[in-house]
N, C-alpha and C. Protein backbone atom coordinates (compact mmCIF):
# COMPACT_ATOMS: atom_id res chain seq x y z
N MET A 1 -1.44 30.45 84.37
CA MET A 1 -0.68 29.25 84.73
C MET A 1 0.28 28.63 83.97
N THR A 2 1.59 28.46 84.35
CA THR A 2 2.66 28.01 83.42
C THR A 2 2.64 26.48 83.48
N HIS A 3 3.10 26.31 82.18
CA HIS A 3 3.02 24.89 81.89
C HIS A 3 4.58 24.37 81.71
N THR A 4 4.98 23.32 82.32
CA THR A 4 6.54 22.72 82.15
C THR A 4 6.35 21.57 81.53
N ALA A 5 7.01 21.15 80.27
CA ALA A 5 7.16 19.80 80.12
C ALA A 5 8.44 19.24 80.93
N VAL A 6 7.86 17.96 81.40
CA VAL A 6 8.73 17.15 82.08
C VAL A 6 8.86 15.75 81.49
N GLY A 7 9.75 15.10 81.50
CA GLY A 7 9.99 13.55 80.82
C GLY A 7 10.92 12.66 81.65
N TRP A 8 10.59 11.65 81.51
CA TRP A 8 11.21 10.69 82.28
C TRP A 8 11.56 9.62 81.15
N HIS A 9 12.99 8.94 81.19
CA HIS A 9 13.46 8.04 80.00
C HIS A 9 13.39 6.45 80.90
N VAL A 10 12.72 5.83 80.50
CA VAL A 10 12.69 4.29 81.17
C VAL A 10 13.44 3.63 80.46
N GLU A 11 14.62 2.92 81.16
CA GLU A 11 15.55 1.69 80.12
C GLU A 11 14.92 0.31 80.54
N LEU A 12 15.15 -0.34 79.82
CA LEU A 12 14.62 -1.92 79.83
C LEU A 12 15.74 -2.73 79.15
N GLU A 13 16.34 -3.22 79.88
CA GLU A 13 17.51 -4.31 79.24
C GLU A 13 16.93 -5.90 79.42
N PHE A 14 17.34 -6.72 78.74
CA PHE A 14 16.81 -7.98 78.52
C PHE A 14 17.88 -8.89 78.53
N LYS A 15 17.89 -10.34 79.38
CA LYS A 15 18.45 -11.21 79.25
C LYS A 15 17.76 -12.75 78.90
N GLU A 16 18.35 -13.47 77.84
CA GLU A 16 17.07 -14.44 77.29
C GLU A 16 18.16 -15.68 77.03
N ASP A 17 17.93 -16.97 77.41
CA ASP A 17 17.95 -18.04 76.58
C ASP A 17 17.00 -18.54 75.78
N ASP A 18 17.20 -19.84 75.60
CA ASP A 18 16.00 -20.52 74.77
C ASP A 18 14.77 -20.77 75.42
N GLN A 19 14.79 -20.96 76.99
CA GLN A 19 13.52 -21.08 77.89
C GLN A 19 13.16 -19.79 78.70
N HIS A 20 13.99 -18.96 78.91
CA HIS A 20 13.80 -17.86 79.82
C HIS A 20 13.99 -16.31 79.21
N THR A 21 13.42 -15.54 79.57
CA THR A 21 13.75 -14.05 79.38
C THR A 21 13.60 -13.48 80.72
N SER A 22 14.41 -12.67 81.03
CA SER A 22 14.46 -11.51 82.17
C SER A 22 14.82 -10.27 81.78
N ALA A 23 14.06 -9.25 82.47
CA ALA A 23 14.08 -7.77 82.07
C ALA A 23 14.21 -6.87 83.12
N ALA A 24 15.08 -6.03 82.93
CA ALA A 24 15.48 -5.20 83.80
C ALA A 24 15.03 -3.63 83.52
N ALA A 25 14.41 -3.04 84.51
CA ALA A 25 13.83 -1.99 84.11
C ALA A 25 14.35 -0.58 85.16
N LEU A 26 14.60 0.62 84.87
CA LEU A 26 15.09 1.58 85.27
C LEU A 26 14.86 2.94 84.97
N VAL A 27 14.21 3.61 85.86
CA VAL A 27 13.74 5.07 85.59
C VAL A 27 14.51 5.96 86.65
N ARG A 28 15.07 6.90 85.94
CA ARG A 28 15.96 7.84 86.90
C ARG A 28 14.79 9.16 87.11
N LEU A 29 14.53 9.52 88.31
CA LEU A 29 13.49 10.70 88.60
C LEU A 29 14.12 12.18 88.71
N PRO A 30 13.45 13.08 88.34
CA PRO A 30 14.03 14.51 88.65
C PRO A 30 14.77 14.77 89.81
N ASP A 31 14.14 14.15 91.07
CA ASP A 31 14.79 14.14 92.45
C ASP A 31 15.90 13.34 92.45
N GLY A 32 16.55 12.77 91.58
CA GLY A 32 17.69 12.00 91.86
C GLY A 32 17.75 10.42 92.02
N THR A 33 16.26 10.10 92.29
CA THR A 33 15.80 8.64 92.70
C THR A 33 16.02 7.79 91.50
N GLU A 34 16.42 6.86 91.74
CA GLU A 34 16.65 5.57 90.79
C GLU A 34 15.38 4.55 91.23
N VAL A 35 14.70 4.16 90.65
CA VAL A 35 13.73 3.01 90.81
C VAL A 35 13.99 1.91 89.40
N ARG A 36 14.20 1.13 90.34
CA ARG A 36 14.49 -0.44 89.68
C ARG A 36 13.54 -1.45 89.84
N SER A 37 13.12 -2.23 88.97
CA SER A 37 12.46 -3.27 89.00
C SER A 37 12.96 -4.61 87.87
N HIS A 38 12.17 -5.68 88.17
CA HIS A 38 12.64 -6.61 87.39
C HIS A 38 11.39 -7.64 87.03
N GLY A 39 11.56 -8.55 85.96
CA GLY A 39 10.33 -9.36 85.36
C GLY A 39 10.91 -10.34 84.84
N HIS A 40 10.01 -11.46 84.68
CA HIS A 40 10.70 -12.59 84.36
C HIS A 40 9.56 -13.45 83.15
N ALA A 41 9.98 -14.31 82.40
CA ALA A 41 8.98 -15.01 81.40
C ALA A 41 9.68 -16.22 81.28
N SER A 42 8.79 -17.30 81.10
CA SER A 42 9.52 -18.39 80.91
C SER A 42 8.37 -19.18 79.65
N ARG A 43 9.33 -19.99 78.79
CA ARG A 43 8.51 -20.37 77.48
C ARG A 43 8.11 -21.93 77.84
N HIS A 44 7.03 -22.05 77.70
CA HIS A 44 6.57 -23.77 77.97
C HIS A 44 7.37 -24.59 76.82
N ARG A 45 7.66 -25.73 76.96
CA ARG A 45 8.47 -26.59 76.31
C ARG A 45 7.68 -27.03 75.00
N VAL A 46 6.29 -26.70 74.84
CA VAL A 46 5.71 -27.07 73.74
C VAL A 46 5.43 -25.73 72.80
N ASP A 47 5.69 -24.67 73.43
CA ASP A 47 5.65 -23.59 72.66
C ASP A 47 6.73 -23.12 71.44
N SER A 48 6.28 -22.43 70.55
CA SER A 48 7.66 -21.93 69.65
C SER A 48 8.25 -20.95 70.18
N ASN A 49 9.51 -21.07 69.83
CA ASN A 49 10.63 -19.90 70.30
C ASN A 49 10.55 -18.75 69.59
N GLN A 50 10.07 -17.84 70.43
CA GLN A 50 9.46 -16.41 69.97
C GLN A 50 10.34 -15.27 71.38
N PRO A 51 11.46 -14.94 70.90
CA PRO A 51 11.94 -14.34 71.74
C PRO A 51 11.35 -12.83 72.44
N ARG A 52 10.82 -12.35 71.15
CA ARG A 52 10.04 -11.11 71.15
C ARG A 52 8.93 -11.22 72.24
N VAL A 53 8.04 -12.21 72.18
CA VAL A 53 6.96 -12.52 73.10
C VAL A 53 7.59 -12.54 74.77
N GLY A 54 8.64 -13.22 74.72
CA GLY A 54 9.12 -13.53 75.97
C GLY A 54 9.64 -12.03 76.55
N GLU A 55 10.19 -11.05 75.72
CA GLU A 55 10.76 -9.96 76.02
C GLU A 55 9.49 -9.09 76.57
N GLU A 56 8.44 -9.15 75.62
CA GLU A 56 7.02 -8.43 75.91
C GLU A 56 6.42 -8.65 77.29
N ILE A 57 6.57 -9.85 77.56
CA ILE A 57 5.94 -10.37 78.78
C ILE A 57 6.74 -10.08 79.98
N ALA A 58 8.20 -10.16 79.96
CA ALA A 58 8.82 -10.02 81.14
C ALA A 58 9.24 -8.68 81.12
N GLY A 59 8.99 -7.57 79.94
CA GLY A 59 9.22 -6.30 80.00
C GLY A 59 7.71 -5.64 80.92
N ALA A 60 6.70 -6.11 80.48
CA ALA A 60 5.47 -5.72 81.06
C ALA A 60 5.41 -5.98 82.66
N ARG A 61 6.11 -7.27 82.83
CA ARG A 61 5.91 -7.46 84.34
C ARG A 61 7.05 -6.39 85.13
N ALA A 62 8.33 -6.23 84.33
CA ALA A 62 9.27 -5.40 84.97
C ALA A 62 8.62 -3.86 85.12
N LEU A 63 7.70 -3.38 84.15
CA LEU A 63 7.07 -2.26 84.19
C LEU A 63 5.87 -2.14 85.34
N ASN A 64 5.32 -3.27 85.25
CA ASN A 64 4.15 -3.36 86.37
C ASN A 64 4.83 -3.25 87.77
N GLU A 65 5.73 -3.60 88.05
CA GLU A 65 6.49 -3.56 89.33
C GLU A 65 7.16 -2.23 89.34
N LEU A 66 7.61 -1.62 88.64
CA LEU A 66 8.15 -0.15 88.40
C LEU A 66 7.01 0.55 88.77
N ALA A 67 6.10 0.22 88.07
CA ALA A 67 4.71 1.06 88.56
C ALA A 67 4.21 1.16 89.90
N MET A 68 4.32 0.04 90.62
CA MET A 68 4.01 -0.30 91.93
C MET A 68 4.56 0.72 92.73
N GLN A 69 5.78 0.38 92.27
CA GLN A 69 7.32 1.16 93.50
C GLN A 69 6.82 2.81 93.32
N LEU A 70 6.85 3.31 92.25
CA LEU A 70 6.26 4.69 92.00
C LEU A 70 5.02 4.81 92.90
N LEU A 71 4.07 4.03 92.44
CA LEU A 71 2.80 4.65 93.59
C LEU A 71 3.26 4.49 94.89
N THR A 72 3.77 3.60 95.36
CA THR A 72 4.58 3.73 97.02
C THR A 72 5.42 4.71 97.19
N LYS A 73 6.11 5.04 96.35
CA LYS A 73 7.01 6.40 96.79
C LYS A 73 6.16 7.59 96.93
N ALA A 74 5.14 7.87 95.78
CA ALA A 74 4.36 8.83 95.78
C ALA A 74 3.53 9.03 96.77
N HIS A 75 3.12 7.84 97.41
CA HIS A 75 2.11 7.47 98.65
C HIS A 75 2.90 7.98 99.66
N GLY A 76 4.01 7.73 100.02
CA GLY A 76 4.89 8.06 101.22
C GLY A 76 5.19 9.54 101.31
N GLU A 77 5.46 9.91 99.94
CA GLU A 77 5.87 11.36 99.87
C GLU A 77 4.69 12.35 100.39
N ILE A 78 3.29 11.98 99.93
CA ILE A 78 2.00 12.50 100.05
C ILE A 78 1.90 12.51 101.59
N ASP A 79 2.15 11.34 102.27
CA ASP A 79 2.05 11.20 103.85
C ASP A 79 3.14 12.25 104.52
N GLU A 80 4.09 11.91 103.82
CA GLU A 80 5.18 12.86 104.65
C GLU A 80 5.07 14.46 104.54
N ALA A 81 4.62 14.88 103.16
CA ALA A 81 4.35 16.52 103.27
C ALA A 81 3.09 16.93 103.83
N SER A 82 2.22 15.89 104.16
CA SER A 82 1.00 16.44 104.74
C SER A 82 0.78 16.07 106.21
N GLY A 83 1.56 15.16 106.85
CA GLY A 83 1.75 14.75 108.27
C GLY A 83 0.75 13.69 108.76
N ARG A 84 0.08 13.33 107.54
CA ARG A 84 -1.01 12.10 107.98
C ARG A 84 -1.21 11.08 107.14
N THR A 85 -1.57 10.01 107.03
CA THR A 85 -1.92 8.77 106.49
C THR A 85 -2.98 9.16 105.32
N SER A 86 -2.47 9.07 103.86
CA SER A 86 -3.44 9.39 103.06
C SER A 86 -4.19 8.07 102.63
N HIS A 87 -5.19 8.46 101.81
CA HIS A 87 -5.76 7.28 100.89
C HIS A 87 -5.08 6.54 100.30
N SER A 88 -4.98 5.43 100.01
CA SER A 88 -4.21 4.40 99.08
C SER A 88 -4.51 4.85 97.31
N ILE A 89 -3.51 4.85 96.79
CA ILE A 89 -3.54 5.41 95.65
C ILE A 89 -3.72 4.18 94.57
N ASN A 90 -4.74 4.39 93.92
CA ASN A 90 -5.22 3.01 92.79
C ASN A 90 -4.49 3.23 91.48
N ILE A 91 -4.34 2.19 90.76
CA ILE A 91 -4.03 1.98 89.69
C ILE A 91 -5.24 2.33 88.79
């Protein structure tokens, strides 16, 4: 059996102000597909301003959406290759 090392690079970019953080995630797959997603976080007015926390929340939400899109893509490819409807893929 031959093993091949494969890697993906996920890019995350953030935009933020004192109250809101948005994250954009992007992964380019070996088949040439680009999958993009977004996540958002809002700071409650009584919470201290911690930009890192907003980035972590918005980033996690963007990555979660990215994961769901990748599962949907994989499910479609399984169905297409097999010619049937496959079982749902769980996280």
